[in-house]
């Protein structure tokens, strides 16, 4: 039954969000004890799963049940109000799990202040929910009224739209600014060293207080943006920064972002088909199998792009750059392949180990060649 915005409705809403916040905070505290025994990379992935799960569940509950009652307002305004309310509630509840985890394990993000981390989670969760549910209210709901075929056709459209607007989404979810003249001059040299034309790639600096050393090349071919964190500019030399940009360039050449989406899109289409034909249970199994198999392929793709980048800049250089980025960000990397099943990308530890083995093999081959020539 819809929740009308009356005094009783507001009270029920506040109680629901408060209880969800307490539960999320408690789960976060418990997870903190588990996270203290995991590598930083694995613990962060688990925390992200918990926060997004709680935020999405609360947002769905509110979005489907909040109604303006008998107030005569246009549908667009009522939908917008519900979306905004769902985003704020989801952001609060999801961030509560982060607060609980950091109370138990305050050094999970070694180089970042816990308050800064919580603010970043709150902003990101709220923005993601508002964008996702706003898109659903404006486009998905009318399409659903068109029947199963219209619903199936919507899935690839959503995937392409997300891929094409990735630079916009990153800019909304992170504090992004134009580079200074000195930063632009340096990054122009890095782009040229990475065989990228500065005129065809826009550059933005992620000016965050956290010390994550990130570089990302996002967007379709005609609108590519290189996002570089301020910490990466401060901590990496030109050689290491170029190595990371080359690795991103190789991923972009293989359309890795779009490829990662394909298993999710395939799972959504498979679930809908099975749901229409056989039922939700069959659809859920088919969707899970599609994601697991598809992400196994995307992890292999990441290893392939790493090899391509290593052939250009040197395996040792790329290994050192990734390891330095992970270490400066405060992460201990994980090498257990069993924990990668539900991730589209291999762990940093697995990538580093493969690159180091490739570097050792290259060095041994070079030494053998030198000995033979002598």
Protein backbone atom coordinates (compact mmCIF):
# COMPACT_ATOMS: atom_id res chain seq x y z
CA UNK A 1 0.00 0.00 0.00
CA UNK A 2 1.34 3.43 -0.88
CA UNK A 3 2.53 5.65 1.93
CA UNK A 4 0.65 8.94 1.78
CA UNK A 5 2.56 12.03 2.88
CA UNK A 6 0.59 12.72 6.05
CA UNK A 7 1.79 13.01 9.63
CA UNK A 8 1.46 9.25 10.05
CA UNK A 9 3.15 8.67 6.71
CA UNK A 10 6.12 10.84 7.63
CA UNK A 11 6.42 9.10 10.99
CA UNK A 12 6.41 5.66 9.34
CA UNK A 13 9.00 6.88 6.85
CA UNK A 14 11.32 8.21 9.56
CA UNK A 15 10.98 5.03 11.62
CA UNK A 16 11.69 2.83 8.60
CA UNK A 17 14.83 4.77 7.63
CA UNK A 18 16.01 4.93 11.26
CA UNK A 19 15.63 1.17 11.74
CA UNK A 20 17.38 0.47 8.43
CA UNK A 21 20.21 2.83 9.45
CA UNK A 22 20.66 1.03 12.78
CA UNK A 23 20.68 -2.38 11.09
CA UNK A 24 23.14 -1.21 8.44
CA UNK A 25 25.41 0.30 11.07
CA UNK A 26 25.31 -2.93 13.09
CA UNK A 27 26.12 -5.04 10.04
CA UNK A 28 28.94 -2.62 9.29
CA UNK A 29 30.41 -3.08 12.77
CA UNK A 30 30.28 -6.86 12.41
CA UNK A 31 31.80 -6.69 8.95
CA UNK A 32 34.59 -4.55 10.35
CA UNK A 33 35.79 -7.51 12.43
CA UNK A 34 35.82 -9.65 9.29
CA UNK A 35 37.50 -6.93 7.21
CA UNK A 36 40.38 -6.69 9.68
CA UNK A 37 41.35 -10.26 8.69
CA UNK A 38 41.14 -9.65 4.93
CA UNK A 39 43.40 -7.90 2.48
CA UNK A 40 42.56 -4.25 1.92
CA UNK A 41 41.40 -4.89 -1.64
CA UNK A 42 39.06 -7.75 -0.71
CA UNK A 43 37.73 -5.90 2.33
CA UNK A 44 36.90 -2.83 0.23
CA UNK A 45 35.05 -4.91 -2.36
CA UNK A 46 33.00 -6.50 0.40
CA UNK A 47 32.22 -3.13 1.95
CA UNK A 48 31.09 -1.77 -1.41
CA UNK A 49 28.75 -4.74 -1.83
CA UNK A 50 27.21 -4.17 1.60
CA UNK A 51 26.77 -0.40 1.19
CA UNK A 52 25.27 -0.63 -2.29
CA UNK A 53 23.02 -3.49 -1.22
CA UNK A 54 21.57 -1.63 1.77
CA UNK A 55 21.25 1.65 -0.14
CA UNK A 56 19.50 -0.01 -3.09
CA UNK A 57 17.11 -2.03 -0.90
CA UNK A 58 15.97 1.04 1.06
CA UNK A 59 15.71 3.13 -2.10
CA UNK A 60 13.52 0.51 -3.78
CA UNK A 61 11.30 0.22 -0.72
CA UNK A 62 10.71 3.96 -0.54
CA UNK A 63 10.39 4.52 -4.29
CA UNK A 64 7.64 1.93 -4.63
CA UNK A 65 5.73 2.95 -1.52
CA UNK A 66 5.92 6.74 -1.28
CA UNK A 67 3.00 8.63 -2.78
CA UNK A 68 1.91 12.23 -2.49
CA UNK A 69 -1.55 11.02 -1.63
CA UNK A 70 -4.35 13.41 -2.52
CA UNK A 71 -2.09 16.38 -3.29
CA UNK A 72 -2.82 17.49 -6.84
CA UNK A 73 0.62 17.73 -8.49
CA UNK A 74 1.89 16.63 -11.91
CA UNK A 75 3.27 13.09 -12.20
CA UNK A 76 6.75 14.42 -13.01
CA UNK A 77 6.90 16.32 -9.71
CA UNK A 78 5.62 13.39 -7.66
CA UNK A 79 8.13 11.04 -9.32
CA UNK A 80 10.94 13.53 -8.77
CA UNK A 81 10.04 13.85 -5.09
CA UNK A 82 10.03 10.06 -4.67
CA UNK A 83 13.40 9.74 -6.45
CA UNK A 84 14.99 12.46 -4.31
CA UNK A 85 13.63 10.92 -1.13
CA UNK A 86 14.88 7.46 -2.17
CA UNK A 87 18.34 8.88 -2.96
CA UNK A 88 18.70 10.66 0.38
CA UNK A 89 17.44 7.66 2.37
CA UNK A 90 19.64 5.24 0.43
CA UNK A 91 22.66 7.47 0.92
CA UNK A 92 22.07 7.69 4.68
CA UNK A 93 21.51 3.96 5.18
CA UNK A 94 24.39 2.89 2.91
CA UNK A 95 26.80 5.30 4.59
CA UNK A 96 25.75 3.97 8.00
CA UNK A 97 27.32 0.63 7.11
CA UNK A 98 30.55 2.45 6.21
CA UNK A 99 30.51 4.31 9.53
CA UNK A 100 30.04 1.04 11.41
CA UNK A 101 32.86 -0.67 9.53
CA UNK A 102 35.28 2.21 10.10
CA UNK A 103 34.48 2.30 13.81
CA UNK A 104 35.72 -1.28 14.05
CA UNK A 105 38.49 -1.01 11.45
CA UNK A 106 39.45 2.68 11.24
CA UNK A 107 42.60 1.93 9.22
CA UNK A 108 40.78 0.15 6.38
CA UNK A 109 41.54 3.15 4.14
CA UNK A 110 45.02 3.79 5.52
CA UNK A 111 45.71 7.10 3.85
CA UNK A 112 42.26 8.66 4.17
CA UNK A 113 40.45 10.33 7.04
CA UNK A 114 37.36 8.24 7.99
CA UNK A 115 35.11 11.31 7.89
CA UNK A 116 36.29 12.07 4.34
CA UNK A 117 35.62 8.48 3.27
CA UNK A 118 32.10 8.60 4.75
CA UNK A 119 31.32 11.88 2.97
CA UNK A 120 32.53 10.43 -0.32
CA UNK A 121 30.36 7.31 0.09
CA UNK A 122 27.33 9.43 1.02
CA UNK A 123 27.75 11.64 -2.03
CA UNK A 124 28.35 8.78 -4.43
CA UNK A 125 25.49 6.61 -3.16
CA UNK A 126 22.99 9.48 -3.20
CA UNK A 127 23.97 10.59 -6.71
CA UNK A 128 23.91 7.04 -8.11
CA UNK A 129 20.47 6.31 -6.70
CA UNK A 130 19.02 9.63 -7.86
CA UNK A 131 20.41 9.13 -11.38
CA UNK A 132 19.34 5.48 -11.63
CA UNK A 133 15.85 5.95 -10.23
CA UNK A 134 15.36 9.22 -12.07
CA UNK A 135 16.20 7.46 -15.32
CA UNK A 136 13.81 4.66 -14.40
CA UNK A 137 10.98 7.10 -13.63
CA UNK A 138 11.43 9.05 -16.87
CA UNK A 139 12.11 6.24 -19.33
CA UNK A 140 11.83 2.73 -17.91
CA UNK A 141 8.32 3.01 -16.50
CA UNK A 142 6.75 4.17 -19.80
CA UNK A 143 8.64 1.47 -21.70
CA UNK A 144 7.43 -1.24 -19.33
CA UNK A 145 3.92 -0.38 -20.36
CA UNK A 146 4.87 -1.32 -23.92
CA UNK A 147 5.18 -5.02 -23.11
CA UNK A 148 7.99 -7.64 -23.05
CA UNK A 149 9.59 -6.72 -26.39
CA UNK A 150 9.91 -3.06 -25.45
CA UNK A 151 11.42 -4.10 -22.11
CA UNK A 152 14.02 -6.33 -23.81
CA UNK A 153 14.92 -3.57 -26.26
CA UNK A 154 15.51 -1.18 -23.36
CA UNK A 155 18.32 -3.27 -21.82
CA UNK A 156 21.02 -2.70 -24.49
CA UNK A 157 19.93 0.94 -24.75
CA UNK A 158 20.67 1.42 -21.05
CA UNK A 159 24.08 -0.23 -21.45
CA UNK A 160 25.09 1.98 -24.37
CA UNK A 161 23.86 5.08 -22.60
CA UNK A 162 25.87 4.28 -19.46
CA UNK A 163 28.99 3.62 -21.55
CA UNK A 164 28.64 6.82 -23.57
CA UNK A 165 28.00 8.99 -20.51
CA UNK A 166 30.74 7.52 -18.28
CA UNK A 167 32.76 10.80 -18.24
CA UNK A 168 29.67 12.69 -17.08
CA UNK A 169 28.96 10.13 -14.35
CA UNK A 170 32.55 10.25 -13.09
CA UNK A 171 32.41 14.05 -12.97
CA UNK A 172 29.17 13.95 -10.98
CA UNK A 173 30.43 11.38 -8.48
CA UNK A 174 33.87 12.90 -7.87
CA UNK A 175 35.31 16.37 -7.19
CA UNK A 176 36.72 17.06 -10.67
CA UNK A 177 38.52 20.18 -11.87
CA UNK A 178 40.46 21.49 -14.83
CA UNK A 179 44.23 20.91 -14.60
CA UNK A 180 46.49 23.83 -13.82
CA UNK A 181 48.86 25.08 -16.51
CA UNK A 182 51.75 23.10 -15.01
CA UNK A 183 49.63 19.94 -14.71
CA UNK A 184 48.33 20.34 -18.25
CA UNK A 185 51.85 20.73 -19.63
CA UNK A 186 53.00 17.61 -17.79
CA UNK A 187 49.97 15.55 -18.80
CA UNK A 188 50.38 16.63 -22.42
CA UNK A 189 53.84 15.07 -22.36
CA UNK A 190 52.44 11.92 -20.74
CA UNK A 191 49.73 11.62 -23.40
CA UNK A 192 52.28 12.03 -26.19
CA UNK A 193 54.52 9.38 -24.59
CA UNK A 194 51.48 7.09 -24.42
CA UNK A 195 50.82 7.61 -28.16
CA UNK A 196 47.63 9.57 -27.48
CA UNK A 197 46.84 12.83 -29.21
CA UNK A 198 46.32 15.57 -26.60
CA UNK A 199 43.76 17.29 -28.83
CA UNK A 200 41.55 14.19 -28.92
CA UNK A 201 41.68 13.49 -25.16
CA UNK A 202 40.35 15.91 -22.56
CA UNK A 203 42.10 15.89 -19.20
CA UNK A 204 40.51 16.31 -15.78
CA UNK A 205 42.01 16.09 -12.29
CA UNK A 206 40.14 14.27 -9.52
CA UNK A 207 40.86 16.64 -6.65
CA UNK A 208 40.02 14.35 -3.74
CA UNK A 209 41.42 14.29 -0.21
CA UNK A 210 41.84 10.53 -0.42
CA UNK A 211 45.20 9.28 -1.63
CA UNK A 212 43.96 6.83 -4.26
CA UNK A 213 46.31 6.87 -7.25
CA UNK A 214 43.83 6.54 -10.08
CA UNK A 215 43.96 7.08 -13.80
CA UNK A 216 41.00 6.37 -16.05
CA UNK A 217 40.37 6.87 -19.74
CA UNK A 218 36.60 7.06 -20.20
CA UNK A 219 34.06 7.78 -22.89
CA UNK A 220 33.42 6.84 -26.53
CA UNK A 221 36.16 7.42 -29.17
CA UNK A 222 35.01 10.94 -30.05
CA UNK A 223 34.67 12.08 -26.43
CA UNK A 224 37.45 10.57 -24.36
CA UNK A 225 38.45 12.03 -21.04
CA UNK A 226 41.53 11.12 -19.00
CA UNK A 227 40.81 11.37 -15.27
CA UNK A 228 43.93 11.55 -13.10
CA UNK A 229 43.82 11.84 -9.33
CA UNK A 230 45.74 14.60 -7.63
CA UNK A 231 47.53 11.95 -5.57
CA UNK A 232 48.77 10.27 -8.76
CA UNK A 233 50.19 13.55 -10.03
CA UNK A 234 51.94 14.16 -6.72
CA UNK A 235 53.27 10.64 -6.14
CA UNK A 236 54.13 9.17 -9.55
CA UNK A 237 56.96 10.17 -11.84
CA UNK A 238 56.38 10.59 -15.56
CA UNK A 239 57.53 7.05 -16.40
CA UNK A 240 55.12 5.40 -13.93
CA UNK A 241 52.25 7.72 -14.89
CA UNK A 242 52.82 6.98 -18.57
CA UNK A 243 52.79 3.23 -17.85
CA UNK A 244 49.40 3.47 -16.14
CA UNK A 245 47.98 5.61 -18.95
CA UNK A 246 49.24 3.12 -21.56
CA UNK A 247 47.53 0.31 -19.64
CA UNK A 248 44.30 2.31 -19.68
CA UNK A 249 44.74 3.01 -23.39
CA UNK A 250 45.02 -0.70 -24.14
CA UNK A 251 41.90 -1.38 -22.09
CA UNK A 252 40.10 1.34 -24.01
CA UNK A 253 41.20 -0.10 -27.36
CA UNK A 254 39.50 -3.34 -26.38
CA UNK A 255 36.38 -1.47 -25.22
CA UNK A 256 36.85 -3.05 -21.80
CA UNK A 257 34.18 -0.92 -20.09
CA UNK A 258 31.59 -1.98 -22.65
CA UNK A 259 32.78 -5.59 -22.51
CA UNK A 260 32.37 -5.63 -18.71
CA UNK A 261 28.78 -4.46 -19.17
CA UNK A 262 27.94 -7.22 -21.65
CA UNK A 263 27.56 -10.02 -19.06
CA UNK A 264 25.29 -7.77 -16.99
CA UNK A 265 23.22 -6.85 -20.03
CA UNK A 266 23.12 -10.50 -21.13
CA UNK A 267 22.06 -11.53 -17.63
CA UNK A 268 19.27 -8.94 -17.65
CA UNK A 269 18.02 -10.08 -21.07
CA UNK A 270 18.27 -13.76 -20.07
CA UNK A 271 16.42 -13.15 -16.82
CA UNK A 272 13.63 -11.28 -18.57
CA UNK A 273 13.27 -13.96 -21.25
CA UNK A 274 13.22 -16.76 -18.67
CA UNK A 275 10.86 -14.75 -16.47
CA UNK A 276 8.39 -14.30 -19.33
CA UNK A 277 8.71 -17.94 -20.44
CA UNK A 278 9.62 -20.09 -17.42
CA UNK A 279 9.61 -18.09 -14.22
CA UNK A 280 11.84 -16.01 -11.95
CA UNK A 281 13.83 -18.95 -10.50
CA UNK A 282 15.09 -20.10 -13.91
CA UNK A 283 15.85 -16.50 -14.82
CA UNK A 284 17.90 -15.95 -11.67
CA UNK A 285 20.02 -19.07 -12.30
CA UNK A 286 20.55 -18.10 -15.94
CA UNK A 287 21.51 -14.54 -14.98
CA UNK A 288 24.02 -15.73 -12.37
CA UNK A 289 25.62 -18.19 -14.79
CA UNK A 290 25.87 -15.49 -17.47
CA UNK A 291 27.60 -13.07 -15.11
CA UNK A 292 30.07 -15.64 -13.76
CA UNK A 293 31.07 -16.88 -17.22
CA UNK A 294 31.17 -13.40 -18.70
CA UNK A 295 33.29 -11.92 -15.95
CA UNK A 296 35.69 -14.84 -16.26
CA UNK A 297 36.24 -13.59 -19.81
CA UNK A 298 36.65 -9.96 -18.76
CA UNK A 299 39.33 -10.92 -16.25
CA UNK A 300 41.25 -12.65 -19.04
CA UNK A 301 40.83 -9.51 -21.13
CA UNK A 302 42.45 -7.42 -18.39
CA UNK A 303 45.45 -9.79 -18.33
CA UNK A 304 45.67 -9.46 -22.12
CA UNK A 305 45.67 -5.66 -22.02
CA UNK A 306 48.30 -5.74 -19.26
CA UNK A 307 50.52 -7.86 -21.51
CA UNK A 308 50.03 -5.43 -24.39
CA UNK A 309 50.96 -2.48 -22.17
CA UNK A 310 53.94 -4.35 -20.70
CA UNK A 311 55.28 -5.05 -24.18
CA UNK A 312 55.35 -1.30 -24.81
CA UNK A 313 56.55 0.24 -21.54
CA UNK A 314 58.23 -2.79 -19.98
CA UNK A 315 56.75 -5.32 -17.57
CA UNK A 316 58.95 -4.16 -14.69
CA UNK A 317 57.93 -0.51 -15.14
CA UNK A 318 54.22 -1.34 -15.25
CA UNK A 319 54.53 -3.70 -12.27
CA UNK A 320 56.27 -1.05 -10.17
CA UNK A 321 53.69 1.58 -11.17
CA UNK A 322 50.70 -0.59 -10.19
CA UNK A 323 52.36 -1.76 -6.97
CA UNK A 324 53.26 1.79 -5.99
CA UNK A 325 49.70 2.96 -6.72
CA UNK A 326 48.21 0.16 -4.61
CA UNK A 327 50.68 0.69 -1.76
CA UNK A 328 50.24 4.45 -1.63
CA UNK A 329 46.48 4.00 -1.54
CA UNK A 330 46.92 1.91 1.60
CA UNK A 331 45.78 -1.41 0.13
CA UNK A 332 47.27 -4.82 0.73
CA UNK A 333 46.60 -6.70 -2.48
CA UNK A 334 45.00 -10.12 -2.63
CA UNK A 335 46.24 -13.04 -4.73
CA UNK A 336 43.49 -15.60 -4.02
CA UNK A 337 41.81 -16.28 -7.40
CA UNK A 338 38.81 -17.83 -5.66
CA UNK A 339 37.77 -14.39 -4.44
CA UNK A 340 37.58 -13.01 -7.98
CA UNK A 341 34.50 -14.93 -9.15
CA UNK A 342 32.13 -12.05 -8.54
CA UNK A 343 34.46 -9.35 -9.88
CA UNK A 344 34.82 -8.32 -13.53
CA UNK A 345 38.48 -7.48 -12.96
CA UNK A 346 41.32 -9.54 -11.47
CA UNK A 347 42.79 -8.45 -8.17
CA UNK A 348 45.77 -6.12 -8.13
CA UNK A 349 47.83 -8.89 -6.57
CA UNK A 350 47.08 -11.30 -9.41
CA UNK A 351 47.94 -8.67 -12.01
CA UNK A 352 51.17 -7.78 -10.25
CA UNK A 353 52.22 -11.44 -9.95
CA UNK A 354 51.65 -12.10 -13.65
CA UNK A 355 53.49 -8.95 -14.69
CA UNK A 356 56.39 -9.75 -12.36
CA UNK A 357 56.62 -13.27 -13.79
CA UNK A 358 56.63 -11.78 -17.28
CA UNK A 359 59.38 -9.35 -16.26
CA UNK A 360 61.47 -12.17 -14.75
CA UNK A 361 61.01 -14.28 -17.87
CA UNK A 362 62.10 -11.37 -20.06
CA UNK A 363 65.15 -10.73 -17.89
CA UNK A 364 66.12 -14.40 -17.87
CA UNK A 365 65.68 -14.55 -21.64
CA UNK A 366 67.88 -11.50 -22.06
CA UNK A 367 70.54 -12.94 -19.75
CA UNK A 368 70.50 -16.26 -21.67
CA UNK A 369 70.88 -14.42 -24.94
CA UNK A 370 73.81 -12.43 -23.61
CA UNK A 371 75.51 -15.56 -22.28
CA UNK A 372 75.06 -17.30 -25.61
CA UNK A 373 76.57 -14.43 -27.54
CA UNK A 374 79.60 -14.46 -25.25
